[in-house]
PDB file of N, CA and C in Angstrom:
ATOM      1  N   ILE A   1       0.953  -1.130   0.033  1.00  0.00           N
ATOM      2  CA  ILE A   1      -0.020  -0.030   0.171  1.00  0.00           C
ATOM      3  C   ILE A   1       0.920   1.231  -0.129  1.00  0.00           C
ATOM      4  N   LYS A   2       0.508   2.129  -0.767  1.00  0.00           N
ATOM      5  CA  LYS A   2       1.488   3.429  -0.926  1.00  0.00           C
ATOM      6  C   LYS A   2       0.666   4.655  -0.636  1.00  0.00           C
ATOM      7  N   GLY A   3       1.357   5.477  -0.186  1.00  0.00           N
ATOM      8  CA  GLY A   3       0.849   6.935   0.145  1.00  0.00           C
ATOM      9  C   GLY A   3       1.949   7.889  -0.310  1.00  0.00           C
ATOM     10  N   LYS A   4       1.453   9.209  -0.666  1.00  0.00           N
ATOM     11  CA  LYS A   4       2.398  10.161  -1.173  1.00  0.00           C
ATOM     12  C   LYS A   4       3.342   9.690  -2.149  1.00  0.00           C
ATOM     13  N   SER A   5       2.806   9.192  -3.196  1.00  0.00           N
ATOM     14  CA  SER A   5       3.719   8.425  -4.000  1.00  0.00           C
ATOM     15  C   SER A   5       3.573   8.853  -5.586  1.00  0.00           C
ATOM     16  N   MET A   6       3.611  10.156  -5.836  1.00  0.00           N
ATOM     17  CA  MET A   6       3.406  10.693  -7.135  1.00  0.00           C
ATOM     18  C   MET A   6       4.588  10.171  -8.011  1.00  0.00           C
ATOM     19  N   VAL A   7       5.632  10.225  -7.367  1.00  0.00           N
ATOM     20  CA  VAL A   7       7.014   9.668  -8.274  1.00  0.00           C
ATOM     21  C   VAL A   7       6.613   8.374  -8.811  1.00  0.00           C
ATOM     22  N   SER A   8       6.219   7.465  -7.841  1.00  0.00           N
ATOM     23  CA  SER A   8       5.871   6.106  -8.361  1.00  0.00           C
ATOM     24  C   SER A   8       4.791   6.100  -9.577  1.00  0.00           C
ATOM     25  N   GLU A   9       3.938   7.116  -9.569  1.00  0.00           N
ATOM     26  CA  GLU A   9       2.913   7.186 -10.685  1.00  0.00           C
ATOM     27  C   GLU A   9       3.813   7.545 -11.951  1.00  0.00           C
ATOM     28  N   GLU A  10       4.687   8.531 -11.717  1.00  0.00           N
ATOM     29  CA  GLU A  10       5.410   8.836 -13.041  1.00  0.00           C
ATOM     30  C   GLU A  10       6.417   7.855 -13.609  1.00  0.00           C
ATOM     31  N   ILE A  11       6.923   7.020 -12.760  1.00  0.00           N
ATOM     32  CA  ILE A  11       7.744   5.886 -13.267  1.00  0.00           C
ATOM     33  C   ILE A  11       6.924   4.618 -13.496  1.00  0.00           C
ATOM     34  N   GLU A  12       5.595   4.595 -13.337  1.00  0.00           N
ATOM     35  CA  GLU A  12       4.676   3.634 -13.599  1.00  0.00           C
ATOM     36  C   GLU A  12       5.130   2.177 -12.662  1.00  0.00           C
ATOM     37  N   MET A  13       5.343   2.571 -11.288  1.00  0.00           N
ATOM     38  CA  MET A  13       5.763   1.528 -10.525  1.00  0.00           C
ATOM     39  C   MET A  13       4.636   0.401 -10.410  1.00  0.00           C
ATOM     40  N   ASN A  14       3.439   0.951 -10.350  1.00  0.00           N
ATOM     41  CA  ASN A  14       2.423  -0.140 -10.267  1.00  0.00           C
ATOM     42  C   ASN A  14       2.329  -1.131 -11.365  1.00  0.00           C
ATOM     43  N   HIS A  15       2.483  -0.603 -12.456  1.00  0.00           N
ATOM     44  CA  HIS A  15       2.476  -1.471 -13.720  1.00  0.00           C
ATOM     45  C   HIS A  15       3.664  -2.404 -13.735  1.00  0.00           C
ATOM     46  N   GLU A  16       4.791  -2.037 -13.381  1.00  0.00           N
ATOM     47  CA  GLU A  16       5.915  -2.943 -13.259  1.00  0.00           C
ATOM     48  C   GLU A  16       5.770  -3.967 -12.161  1.00  0.00           C
ATOM     49  N   MET A  17       5.266  -3.485 -10.933  1.00  0.00           N
ATOM     50  CA  MET A  17       5.073  -4.419  -9.935  1.00  0.00           C
ATOM     51  C   MET A  17       3.900  -5.523 -10.400  1.00  0.00           C
ATOM     52  N   ALA A  18       2.876  -5.055 -10.980  1.00  0.00           N
ATOM     53  CA  ALA A  18       1.845  -6.005 -11.431  1.00  0.00           C
ATOM     54  C   ALA A  18       2.425  -7.161 -12.258  1.00  0.00           C
ATOM     55  N   LYS A  19       3.486  -6.695 -13.251  1.00  0.00           N
ATOM     56  CA  LYS A  19       4.181  -7.653 -13.966  1.00  0.00           C
ATOM     57  C   LYS A  19       4.723  -8.869 -13.299  1.00  0.00           C
ATOM     58  N   LEU A  20       5.097  -8.424 -11.896  1.00  0.00           N
ATOM     59  CA  LEU A  20       5.791  -9.485 -11.098  1.00  0.00           C
ATOM     60  C   LEU A  20       4.872 -10.039 -10.138  1.00  0.00           C
ATOM     61  N   GLY A  21       3.453  -9.880 -10.455  1.00  0.00           N
ATOM     62  CA  GLY A  21       2.568 -10.390  -9.515  1.00  0.00           C
ATOM     63  C   GLY A  21       2.076  -9.792  -8.166  1.00  0.00           C
ATOM     64  N   ILE A  22       2.661  -8.465  -8.090  1.00  0.00           N
ATOM     65  CA  ILE A  22       2.484  -7.666  -6.929  1.00  0.00           C
ATOM     66  C   ILE A  22       1.522  -6.724  -7.018  1.00  0.00           C
ATOM     67  N   GLU A  23       0.581  -6.634  -6.176  1.00  0.00           N
ATOM     68  CA  GLU A  23      -0.432  -5.546  -6.257  1.00  0.00           C
ATOM     69  C   GLU A  23      -0.060  -4.413  -5.526  1.00  0.00           C
ATOM     70  N   CYS A  24      -0.052  -3.275  -5.956  1.00  0.00           N
ATOM     71  CA  CYS A  24       0.135  -2.026  -5.409  1.00  0.00           C
ATOM     72  C   CYS A  24      -1.149  -1.205  -5.274  1.00  0.00           C
ATOM     73  N   LEU A  25      -1.447  -0.773  -4.110  1.00  0.00           N
ATOM     74  CA  LEU A  25      -2.666  -0.035  -3.858  1.00  0.00           C
ATOM     75  C   LEU A  25      -2.440   1.419  -3.442  1.00  0.00           C
ATOM     76  N   GLU A  26      -2.965   2.479  -4.164  1.00  0.00           N
ATOM     77  CA  GLU A  26      -2.774   3.823  -3.696  1.00  0.00           C
ATOM     78  C   GLU A  26      -3.662   4.116  -2.575  1.00  0.00           C
ATOM     79  N   SER A  27      -3.264   4.817  -1.555  1.00  0.00           N
ATOM     80  CA  SER A  27      -4.007   5.120  -0.318  1.00  0.00           C
ATOM     81  C   SER A  27      -4.483   6.521  -0.297  1.00  0.00           C
ATOM     82  N   ASP A  28      -4.037   7.335  -1.121  1.00  0.00           N
ATOM     83  CA  ASP A  28      -4.541   8.654  -1.222  1.00  0.00           C
ATOM     84  C   ASP A  28      -5.994   8.471  -1.901  1.00  0.00           C
ATOM     85  N   MET A  29      -7.057   9.138  -1.183  1.00  0.00           N
ATOM     86  CA  MET A  29      -8.325   8.882  -1.701  1.00  0.00           C
ATOM     87  C   MET A  29      -8.662   8.996  -3.221  1.00  0.00           C
ATOM     88  N   GLY A  30      -8.217  10.274  -3.692  1.00  0.00           N
ATOM     89  CA  GLY A  30      -8.161  10.590  -5.005  1.00  0.00           C
ATOM     90  C   GLY A  30      -7.444   9.604  -5.913  1.00  0.00           C
ATOM     91  N   GLU A  31      -6.222   9.174  -5.494  1.00  0.00           N
ATOM     92  CA  GLU A  31      -5.580   8.294  -6.269  1.00  0.00           C
ATOM     93  C   GLU A  31      -6.038   6.909  -6.195  1.00  0.00           C
ATOM     94  N   TYR A  32      -6.658   6.602  -5.119  1.00  0.00           N
ATOM     95  CA  TYR A  32      -7.588   5.236  -4.953  1.00  0.00           C
ATOM     96  C   TYR A  32      -8.559   5.217  -6.063  1.00  0.00           C
ATOM     97  N   ILE A  33      -9.220   6.376  -5.956  1.00  0.00           N
ATOM     98  CA  ILE A  33     -10.525   6.285  -6.951  1.00  0.00           C
ATOM     99  C   ILE A  33     -10.114   6.223  -8.371  1.00  0.00           C
ATOM    100  N   VAL A  34      -9.192   6.893  -8.772  1.00  0.00           N
ATOM    101  CA  VAL A  34      -8.739   6.797 -10.278  1.00  0.00           C
ATOM    102  C   VAL A  34      -8.081   5.556 -10.546  1.00  0.00           C
ATOM    103  N   GLN A  35      -7.296   4.945  -9.525  1.00  0.00           N
ATOM    104  CA  GLN A  35      -6.836   3.436  -9.635  1.00  0.00           C
ATOM    105  C   GLN A  35      -7.926   2.534  -9.817  1.00  0.00           C
ATOM    106  N   LEU A  36      -8.860   2.509  -8.976  1.00  0.00           N
ATOM    107  CA  LEU A  36     -10.020   1.591  -9.191  1.00  0.00           C
ATOM    108  C   LEU A  36     -10.549   1.691 -10.508  1.00  0.00           C
ATOM    109  N   ASP A  37     -10.644   2.864 -11.138  1.00  0.00           N
ATOM    110  CA  ASP A  37     -11.296   3.077 -12.267  1.00  0.00           C
ATOM    111  C   ASP A  37     -10.331   2.814 -13.706  1.00  0.00           C
ATOM    112  N   GLY A  38      -9.060   2.524 -13.241  1.00  0.00           N
ATOM    113  CA  GLY A  38      -8.122   2.124 -14.252  1.00  0.00           C
ATOM    114  C   GLY A  38      -7.778   3.626 -14.889  1.00  0.00           C
ATOM    115  N   ASP A  39      -7.936   4.720 -14.331  1.00  0.00           N
ATOM    116  CA  ASP A  39      -7.677   6.176 -14.908  1.00  0.00           C
ATOM    117  C   ASP A  39      -6.310   6.636 -14.321  1.00  0.00           C
ATOM    118  N   LYS A  40      -6.103   7.774 -14.774  1.00  0.00           N
ATOM    119  CA  LYS A  40      -4.591   8.299 -14.172  1.00  0.00           C
ATOM    120  C   LYS A  40      -4.990   9.650 -13.471  1.00  0.00           C
ATOM    121  N   PRO A  41      -4.208   9.961 -12.485  1.00  0.00           N
ATOM    122  CA  PRO A  41      -4.509  11.332 -11.877  1.00  0.00           C
ATOM    123  C   PRO A  41      -4.446  12.391 -12.811  1.00  0.00           C
ATOM    124  N   SER A  42      -5.440  13.399 -12.573  1.00  0.00           N
ATOM    125  CA  SER A  42      -5.498  14.555 -13.513  1.00  0.00           C
ATOM    126  C   SER A  42      -4.782  15.834 -12.933  1.00  0.00           C
ATOM    127  N   HIS A  43      -4.396  15.698 -11.591  1.00  0.00           N
ATOM    128  CA  HIS A  43      -3.715  16.857 -10.875  1.00  0.00           C
ATOM    129  C   HIS A  43      -2.896  16.237  -9.869  1.00  0.00           C
ATOM    130  N   ILE A  44      -1.827  16.945  -9.579  1.00  0.00           N
ATOM    131  CA  ILE A  44      -0.861  16.487  -8.520  1.00  0.00           C
ATOM    132  C   ILE A  44      -1.457  16.494  -7.122  1.00  0.00           C
ATOM    133  N   ILE A  45      -2.324  17.487  -6.847  1.00  0.00           N
ATOM    134  CA  ILE A  45      -2.981  17.743  -5.499  1.00  0.00           C
ATOM    135  C   ILE A  45      -4.202  17.138  -5.265  1.00  0.00           C
ATOM    136  N   MET A  46      -5.056  17.223  -6.512  1.00  0.00           N
ATOM    137  CA  MET A  46      -6.448  16.681  -6.530  1.00  0.00           C
ATOM    138  C   MET A  46      -6.498  15.672  -7.753  1.00  0.00           C
ATOM    139  N   PRO A  47      -6.031  14.524  -7.495  1.00  0.00           N
ATOM    140  CA  PRO A  47      -6.019  13.515  -8.663  1.00  0.00           C
ATOM    141  C   PRO A  47      -7.189  13.189  -9.221  1.00  0.00           C
ATOM    142  N   ALA A  48      -8.353  13.404  -8.465  1.00  0.00           N
ATOM    143  CA  ALA A  48      -9.651  12.865  -8.971  1.00  0.00           C
ATOM    144  C   ALA A  48     -10.450  13.998  -9.376  1.00  0.00           C
ATOM    145  N   ILE A  49      -9.996  15.113  -9.471  1.00  0.00           N
ATOM    146  CA  ILE A  49     -10.841  16.365  -9.715  1.00  0.00           C
ATOM    147  C   ILE A  49     -11.718  16.346 -10.931  1.00  0.00           C
ATOM    148  N   HIS A  50     -11.223  15.604 -11.759  1.00  0.00           N
ATOM    149  CA  HIS A  50     -12.115  15.383 -13.075  1.00  0.00           C
ATOM    150  C   HIS A  50     -13.325  14.397 -12.875  1.00  0.00           C
ATOM    151  N   LYS A  51     -13.461  13.841 -11.813  1.00  0.00           N
ATOM    152  CA  LYS A  51     -14.535  12.942 -11.508  1.00  0.00           C
ATOM    153  C   LYS A  51     -15.776  13.579 -10.580  1.00  0.00           C
ATOM    154  N   ASN A  52     -16.984  13.481 -10.988  1.00  0.00           N
ATOM    155  CA  ASN A  52     -17.990  13.972 -10.234  1.00  0.00           C
ATOM    156  C   ASN A  52     -18.498  12.808  -9.318  1.00  0.00           C
ATOM    157  N   LYS A  53     -19.275  13.127  -8.334  1.00  0.00           N
ATOM    158  CA  LYS A  53     -19.702  12.294  -7.344  1.00  0.00           C
ATOM    159  C   LYS A  53     -20.542  11.060  -7.961  1.00  0.00           C
ATOM    160  N   GLN A  54     -21.241  11.136  -9.007  1.00  0.00           N
ATOM    161  CA  GLN A  54     -21.781  10.167  -9.645  1.00  0.00           C
ATOM    162  C   GLN A  54     -20.850   9.298 -10.117  1.00  0.00           C
ATOM    163  N   GLU A  55     -19.713   9.712 -10.871  1.00  0.00           N
ATOM    164  CA  GLU A  55     -18.764   8.863 -11.411  1.00  0.00           C
ATOM    165  C   GLU A  55     -18.052   7.976 -10.336  1.00  0.00           C
ATOM    166  N   VAL A  56     -17.779   8.829  -9.228  1.00  0.00           N
ATOM    167  CA  VAL A  56     -17.161   8.073  -8.154  1.00  0.00           C
ATOM    168  C   VAL A  56     -18.126   6.924  -7.627  1.00  0.00           C
ATOM    169  N   SER A  57     -19.427   6.988  -7.383  1.00  0.00           N
ATOM    170  CA  SER A  57     -20.366   6.210  -6.981  1.00  0.00           C
ATOM    171  C   SER A  57     -20.263   4.961  -8.152  1.00  0.00           C
ATOM    172  N   ASP A  58     -20.226   5.259  -9.241  1.00  0.00           N
ATOM    173  CA  ASP A  58     -20.327   4.231 -10.349  1.00  0.00           C
ATOM    174  C   ASP A  58     -19.002   3.456 -10.219  1.00  0.00           C
ATOM    175  N   THR A  59     -17.905   4.106 -10.052  1.00  0.00           N
ATOM    176  CA  THR A  59     -16.578   3.383  -9.867  1.00  0.00           C
ATOM    177  C   THR A  59     -16.636   2.469  -8.596  1.00  0.00           C
ATOM    178  N   PHE A  60     -17.086   3.011  -7.519  1.00  0.00           N
ATOM    179  CA  PHE A  60     -17.268   2.152  -6.330  1.00  0.00           C
ATOM    180  C   PHE A  60     -18.159   0.894  -6.487  1.00  0.00           C
ATOM    181  N   GLU A  61     -19.307   1.235  -7.084  1.00  0.00           N
ATOM    182  CA  GLU A  61     -20.301   0.078  -7.480  1.00  0.00           C
ATOM    183  C   GLU A  61     -19.608  -0.958  -8.212  1.00  0.00           C
ATOM    184  N   ALA A  62     -18.828  -0.645  -9.320  1.00  0.00           N
ATOM    185  CA  ALA A  62     -18.200  -1.534 -10.111  1.00  0.00           C
ATOM    186  C   ALA A  62     -16.958  -2.390  -9.454  1.00  0.00           C
ATOM    187  N   ASN A  63     -16.382  -1.685  -8.610  1.00  0.00           N
ATOM    188  CA  ASN A  63     -15.167  -2.341  -7.859  1.00  0.00           C
ATOM    189  C   ASN A  63     -15.203  -2.744  -6.581  1.00  0.00           C
ATOM    190  N   LEU A  64     -16.211  -2.272  -5.655  1.00  0.00           N
ATOM    191  CA  LEU A  64     -16.137  -2.553  -4.282  1.00  0.00           C
ATOM    192  C   LEU A  64     -17.448  -3.457  -3.907  1.00  0.00           C
ATOM    193  N   GLU A  65     -17.249  -4.625  -3.579  1.00  0.00           N
ATOM    194  CA  GLU A  65     -18.217  -5.658  -3.428  1.00  0.00           C
ATOM    195  C   GLU A  65     -19.155  -5.146  -2.080  1.00  0.00           C
ATOM    196  N   GLY A  66     -20.469  -5.097  -2.169  1.00  0.00           N
ATOM    197  CA  GLY A  66     -21.279  -4.779  -1.285  1.00  0.00           C
ATOM    198  C   GLY A  66     -21.657  -3.282  -1.213  1.00  0.00           C
ATOM    199  N   PHE A  67     -20.916  -2.529  -2.057  1.00  0.00           N
ATOM    200  CA  PHE A  67     -21.303  -0.991  -2.142  1.00  0.00           C
ATOM    201  C   PHE A  67     -22.679  -0.733  -2.535  1.00  0.00           C
ATOM    202  N   SER A  68     -23.344   0.092  -1.810  1.00  0.00           N
ATOM    203  CA  SER A  68     -24.660   0.634  -2.219  1.00  0.00           C
ATOM    204  C   SER A  68     -24.638   1.829  -2.789  1.00  0.00           C
ATOM    205  N   PRO A  69     -24.933   2.104  -4.064  1.00  0.00           N
ATOM    206  CA  PRO A  69     -24.656   3.447  -4.696  1.00  0.00           C
ATOM    207  C   PRO A  69     -25.382   4.509  -3.988  1.00  0.00           C
ATOM    208  N   THR A  70     -24.596   5.670  -3.973  1.00  0.00           N
ATOM    209  CA  THR A  70     -24.930   6.788  -3.533  1.00  0.00           C
ATOM    210  C   THR A  70     -24.253   8.080  -4.085  1.00  0.00           C
ATOM    211  N   THR A  71     -24.802   9.271  -4.087  1.00  0.00           N
ATOM    212  CA  THR A  71     -24.076  10.357  -4.362  1.00  0.00           C
ATOM    213  C   THR A  71     -23.629  11.375  -3.362  1.00  0.00           C
ATOM    214  N   ASP A  72     -23.801  10.842  -1.994  1.00  0.00           N
ATOM    215  CA  ASP A  72     -23.625  11.506  -0.756  1.00  0.00           C
ATOM    216  C   ASP A  72     -21.996  11.529  -0.519  1.00  0.00           C
ATOM    217  N   VAL A  73     -21.522  12.650  -0.710  1.00  0.00           N
ATOM    218  CA  VAL A  73     -20.043  12.800  -0.617  1.00  0.00           C
ATOM    219  C   VAL A  73     -19.405  12.078   0.607  1.00  0.00           C
ATOM    220  N   ASP A  74     -19.984  12.498   1.808  1.00  0.00           N
ATOM    221  CA  ASP A  74     -19.646  11.957   3.045  1.00  0.00           C
ATOM    222  C   ASP A  74     -19.535  10.294   3.028  1.00  0.00           C
ATOM    223  N   SER A  75     -20.704   9.787   2.537  1.00  0.00           N
ATOM    224  CA  SER A  75     -20.749   8.336   2.434  1.00  0.00           C
ATOM    225  C   SER A  75     -19.778   7.769   1.442  1.00  0.00           C
ATOM    226  N   LEU A  76     -19.527   8.453   0.439  1.00  0.00           N
ATOM    227  CA  LEU A  76     -18.453   8.024  -0.542  1.00  0.00           C
ATOM    228  C   LEU A  76     -17.120   7.830   0.101  1.00  0.00           C
ATOM    229  N   ILE A  77     -16.754   8.994   0.800  1.00  0.00           N
ATOM    230  CA  ILE A  77     -15.470   9.113   1.407  1.00  0.00           C
ATOM    231  C   ILE A  77     -15.303   8.161   2.665  1.00  0.00           C
ATOM    232  N   GLN A  78     -16.573   7.890   3.303  1.00  0.00           N
ATOM    233  CA  GLN A  78     -16.406   6.989   4.420  1.00  0.00           C
ATOM    234  C   GLN A  78     -16.290   5.583   3.945  1.00  0.00           C
ATOM    235  N   THR A  79     -16.950   5.195   2.744  1.00  0.00           N
ATOM    236  CA  THR A  79     -16.716   3.949   2.106  1.00  0.00           C
ATOM    237  C   THR A  79     -15.319   3.616   1.697  1.00  0.00           C
ATOM    238  N   GLY A  80     -14.752   4.579   1.040  1.00  0.00           N
ATOM    239  CA  GLY A  80     -13.299   4.562   0.628  1.00  0.00           C
ATOM    240  C   GLY A  80     -12.414   4.430   1.915  1.00  0.00           C
ATOM    241  N   ARG A  81     -12.528   5.190   2.828  1.00  0.00           N
ATOM    242  CA  ARG A  81     -11.662   5.152   3.889  1.00  0.00           C
ATOM    243  C   ARG A  81     -11.779   3.831   4.698  1.00  0.00           C
ATOM    244  N   ALA A  82     -13.005   3.210   4.820  1.00  0.00           N
ATOM    245  CA  ALA A  82     -13.101   1.907   5.416  1.00  0.00           C
ATOM    246  C   ALA A  82     -12.451   0.888   4.702  1.00  0.00           C
ATOM    247  N   ARG A  83     -12.522   0.747   3.323  1.00  0.00           N
ATOM    248  CA  ARG A  83     -11.899  -0.072   2.484  1.00  0.00           C
ATOM    249  C   ARG A  83     -10.482  -0.083   2.624  1.00  0.00           C
ATOM    250  N   LEU A  84      -9.938   1.225   2.545  1.00  0.00           N
ATOM    251  CA  LEU A  84      -8.525   1.532   2.608  1.00  0.00           C
ATOM    252  C   LEU A  84      -7.974   1.112   3.995  1.00  0.00           C
ATOM    253  N   ARG A  85      -8.601   1.449   5.258  1.00  0.00           N
ATOM    254  CA  ARG A  85      -8.111   0.992   6.429  1.00  0.00           C
ATOM    255  C   ARG A  85      -7.805  -0.524   6.431  1.00  0.00           C
ATOM    256  N   GLN A  86      -8.844  -1.195   6.023  1.00  0.00           N
ATOM    257  CA  GLN A  86      -8.801  -2.826   6.028  1.00  0.00           C
ATOM    258  C   GLN A  86      -7.471  -3.112   5.311  1.00  0.00           C
ATOM    259  N   LYS A  87      -7.071  -2.524   4.172  1.00  0.00           N
ATOM    260  CA  LYS A  87      -5.959  -2.843   3.253  1.00  0.00           C
ATOM    261  C   LYS A  87      -4.697  -2.461   3.988  1.00  0.00           C
ATOM    262  N   PHE A  88      -4.637  -1.363   4.832  1.00  0.00           N
ATOM    263  CA  PHE A  88      -3.355  -1.048   5.524  1.00  0.00           C
ATOM    264  C   PHE A  88      -2.992  -2.090   6.511  1.00  0.00           C
ATOM    265  N   PHE A  89      -3.984  -2.844   6.988  1.00  0.00           N
ATOM    266  CA  PHE A  89      -3.752  -3.965   7.973  1.00  0.00           C
ATOM    267  C   PHE A  89      -3.436  -5.334   7.155  1.00  0.00           C
ATOM    268  N   GLU A  90      -3.880  -5.373   5.898  1.00  0.00           N
ATOM    269  CA  GLU A  90      -3.535  -6.649   5.109  1.00  0.00           C
ATOM    270  C   GLU A  90      -2.201  -6.426   4.346  1.00  0.00           C
ATOM    271  N   ALA A  91      -1.601  -5.281   4.258  1.00  0.00           N
ATOM    272  CA  ALA A  91      -0.559  -5.135   3.320  1.00  0.00           C
ATOM    273  C   ALA A  91       0.687  -5.769   3.917  1.00  0.00           C
ATOM    274  N   ASP A  92       1.650  -6.283   3.164  1.00  0.00           N
ATOM    275  CA  ASP A  92       2.837  -6.738   3.626  1.00  0.00           C
ATOM    276  C   ASP A  92       3.874  -5.599   3.597  1.00  0.00           C
ATOM    277  N   ILE A  93       3.779  -4.687   2.747  1.00  0.00           N
ATOM    278  CA  ILE A  93       4.715  -3.609   2.661  1.00  0.00           C
ATOM    279  C   ILE A  93       4.004  -2.305   2.595  1.00  0.00           C
ATOM    280  N   GLY A  94       4.460  -1.117   3.233  1.00  0.00           N
ATOM    281  CA  GLY A  94       3.970   0.142   3.037  1.00  0.00           C
ATOM    282  C   GLY A  94       5.056   1.043   2.433  1.00  0.00           C
ATOM    283  N   LEU A  95       4.647   1.988   1.608  1.00  0.00           N
ATOM    284  CA  LEU A  95       5.614   2.774   0.969  1.00  0.00           C
ATOM    285  C   LEU A  95       5.177   4.197   0.943  1.00  0.00           C
ATOM    286  N   SER A  96       5.989   5.244   1.159  1.00  0.00           N
ATOM    287  CA  SER A  96       5.676   6.506   1.183  1.00  0.00           C
ATOM    288  C   SER A  96       6.618   7.361   0.523  1.00  0.00           C
ATOM    289  N   GLY A  97       6.210   8.367  -0.166  1.00  0.00           N
ATOM    290  CA  GLY A  97       7.184   9.504  -0.646  1.00  0.00           C
ATOM    291  C   GLY A  97       7.159  10.571   0.328  1.00  0.00           C
ATOM    292  N   VAL A  98       7.782  11.583   0.198  1.00  0.00           N
ATOM    293  CA  VAL A  98       7.899  12.899   1.053  1.00  0.00           C
ATOM    294  C   VAL A  98       7.715  14.061   0.134  1.00  0.00           C
ATOM    295  N   ASN A  99       7.309  15.172   0.928  1.00  0.00           N
ATOM    296  CA  ASN A  99       7.176  16.314   0.034  1.00  0.00           C
ATOM    297  C   ASN A  99       8.684  16.857  -0.158  1.00  0.00           C
ATOM    298  N   PHE A 100       9.511  16.681   0.774  1.00  0.00           N
ATOM    299  CA  PHE A 100      10.928  17.015   0.427  1.00  0.00           C
ATOM    300  C   PHE A 100      11.790  16.404   1.276  1.00  0.00           C
ATOM    301  N   ALA A 101      13.048  16.233   1.016  1.00  0.00           N
ATOM    302  CA  ALA A 101      14.032  15.535   1.705  1.00  0.00           C
ATOM    303  C   ALA A 101      15.341  16.365   1.688  1.00  0.00           C
ATOM    304  N   VAL A 102      16.142  16.249   2.679  1.00  0.00           N
ATOM    305  CA  VAL A 102      17.401  16.839   2.862  1.00  0.00           C
ATOM    306  C   VAL A 102      18.452  15.738   2.919  1.00  0.00           C
ATOM    307  N   ALA A 103      19.063  15.488   1.925  1.00  0.00           N
ATOM    308  CA  ALA A 103      20.219  14.481   1.906  1.00  0.00           C
ATOM    309  C   ALA A 103      21.270  14.649   2.783  1.00  0.00           C
ATOM    310  N   GLU A 104      21.678  15.955   3.119  1.00  0.00           N
ATOM    311  CA  GLU A 104      22.810  16.264   4.119  1.00  0.00           C
ATOM    312  C   GLU A 104      22.392  15.690   5.511  1.00  0.00           C
ATOM    313  N   THR A 105      21.217  15.965   5.899  1.00  0.00           N
ATOM    314  CA  THR A 105      20.897  15.486   7.418  1.00  0.00           C
ATOM    315  C   THR A 105      20.029  14.320   7.434  1.00  0.00           C
ATOM    316  N   GLY A 106      19.540  13.895   6.343  1.00  0.00           N
ATOM    317  CA  GLY A 106      18.574  12.716   6.359  1.00  0.00           C
ATOM    318  C   GLY A 106      17.330  13.162   6.664  1.00  0.00           C
ATOM    319  N   THR A 107      16.914  14.487   6.805  1.00  0.00           N
ATOM    320  CA  THR A 107      15.542  14.905   7.225  1.00  0.00           C
ATOM    321  C   THR A 107      14.672  14.734   6.259  1.00  0.00           C
ATOM    322  N   LEU A 108      13.304  14.142   6.562  1.00  0.00           N
ATOM    323  CA  LEU A 108      12.245  13.972   5.698  1.00  0.00           C
ATOM    324  C   LEU A 108      11.154  14.959   6.057  1.00  0.00           C
ATOM    325  N   CYS A 109      10.360  15.504   5.192  1.00  0.00           N
ATOM    326  CA  CYS A 109       9.176  16.381   5.447  1.00  0.00           C
ATOM    327  C   CYS A 109       7.982  15.642   4.749  1.00  0.00           C
ATOM    328  N   LEU A 110       7.050  15.387   5.423  1.00  0.00           N
ATOM    329  CA  LEU A 110       5.787  14.674   4.716  1.00  0.00           C
ATOM    330  C   LEU A 110       4.680  15.522   5.442  1.00  0.00           C
ATOM    331  N   VAL A 111       3.858  16.094   4.457  1.00  0.00           N
ATOM    332  CA  VAL A 111       2.694  16.795   4.945  1.00  0.00           C
ATOM    333  C   VAL A 111       1.511  16.282   4.331  1.00  0.00           C
ATOM    334  N   GLU A 112       0.381  15.977   5.036  1.00  0.00           N
ATOM    335  CA  GLU A 112      -0.696  15.157   4.513  1.00  0.00           C
ATOM    336  C   GLU A 112      -1.829  15.728   5.209  1.00  0.00           C
ATOM    337  N   ASN A 113      -3.096  15.137   4.705  1.00  0.00           N
ATOM    338  CA  ASN A 113      -4.425  15.606   5.376  1.00  0.00           C
ATOM    339  C   ASN A 113      -5.256  14.376   5.561  1.00  0.00           C
ATOM    340  N   GLU A 114      -4.885  13.251   5.143  1.00  0.00           N
ATOM    341  CA  GLU A 114      -5.746  11.967   5.236  1.00  0.00           C
ATOM    342  C   GLU A 114      -5.243  11.059   6.213  1.00  0.00           C
ATOM    343  N   GLY A 115      -3.956  11.149   6.485  1.00  0.00           N
ATOM    344  CA  GLY A 115      -3.220  10.114   7.426  1.00  0.00           C
ATOM    345  C   GLY A 115      -2.586   8.908   6.659  1.00  0.00           C
ATOM    346  N   ASN A 116      -2.801   8.898   5.370  1.00  0.00           N
ATOM    347  CA  ASN A 116      -2.321   7.841   4.602  1.00  0.00           C
ATOM    348  C   ASN A 116      -0.952   7.496   4.586  1.00  0.00           C
ATOM    349  N   GLY A 117      -0.092   8.716   4.638  1.00  0.00           N
ATOM    350  CA  GLY A 117       1.401   8.574   4.752  1.00  0.00           C
ATOM    351  C   GLY A 117       1.750   8.019   5.941  1.00  0.00           C
ATOM    352  N   ARG A 118       1.179   8.333   7.091  1.00  0.00           N
ATOM    353  CA  ARG A 118       1.572   7.699   8.364  1.00  0.00           C
ATOM    354  C   ARG A 118       1.099   6.165   8.471  1.00  0.00           C
ATOM    355  N   MET A 119      -0.082   6.144   7.828  1.00  0.00           N
ATOM    356  CA  MET A 119      -0.685   4.647   8.013  1.00  0.00           C
ATOM    357  C   MET A 119       0.319   3.749   7.131  1.00  0.00           C
ATOM    358  N   SER A 120       0.675   4.364   5.927  1.00  0.00           N
ATOM    359  CA  SER A 120       1.408   3.350   4.894  1.00  0.00           C
ATOM    360  C   SER A 120       2.759   3.077   5.562  1.00  0.00           C
ATOM    361  N   THR A 121       3.372   3.852   6.343  1.00  0.00           N
ATOM    362  CA  THR A 121       4.794   3.774   6.996  1.00  0.00           C
ATOM    363  C   THR A 121       4.736   3.098   8.217  1.00  0.00           C
ATOM    364  N   THR A 122       3.551   2.868   8.954  1.00  0.00           N
ATOM    365  CA  THR A 122       3.514   2.414  10.237  1.00  0.00           C
ATOM    366  C   THR A 122       2.766   1.232  10.516  1.00  0.00           C
ATOM    367  N   VAL A 123       1.631   0.982   9.713  1.00  0.00           N
ATOM    368  CA  VAL A 123       0.815  -0.232   9.937  1.00  0.00           C
ATOM    369  C   VAL A 123       1.086  -1.496   9.403  1.00  0.00           C
ATOM    370  N   PRO A 124       1.708  -1.562   8.061  1.00  0.00           N
ATOM    371  CA  PRO A 124       2.058  -2.956   7.458  1.00  0.00           C
ATOM    372  C   PRO A 124       3.324  -3.383   8.129  1.00  0.00           C
ATOM    373  N   ASN A 125       3.480  -4.837   8.172  1.00  0.00           N
ATOM    374  CA  ASN A 125       4.803  -5.228   8.666  1.00  0.00           C
ATOM    375  C   ASN A 125       5.900  -4.783   8.023  1.00  0.00           C
TER     376      ASN A 125
END
């Protein structure tokens, strides 16, 4: 499971790992939505900005077992979060990028609003 990993999108890491039989799952909500849909992020900060709530509901309905269609944004987000939280616990490996790093000191800066960066780096074995 991956968080804060735009560089891995740019180098198509998920595709290369899939060739090796390794599933990579994005944990940022927007990236998760576009990944489920087989789409690409449309914006570095808001990767699913090109999708409306009906399209997100359709994506969840097609990909998440037991999902009841809705266009209520809070329900959609809670559904995505619940599915992702389970994946954090099931993942063998967690991966995170950073906003910036200082090689000289080994300092990393990670700013997030969903908790997926911390979850990716602390929950999986």
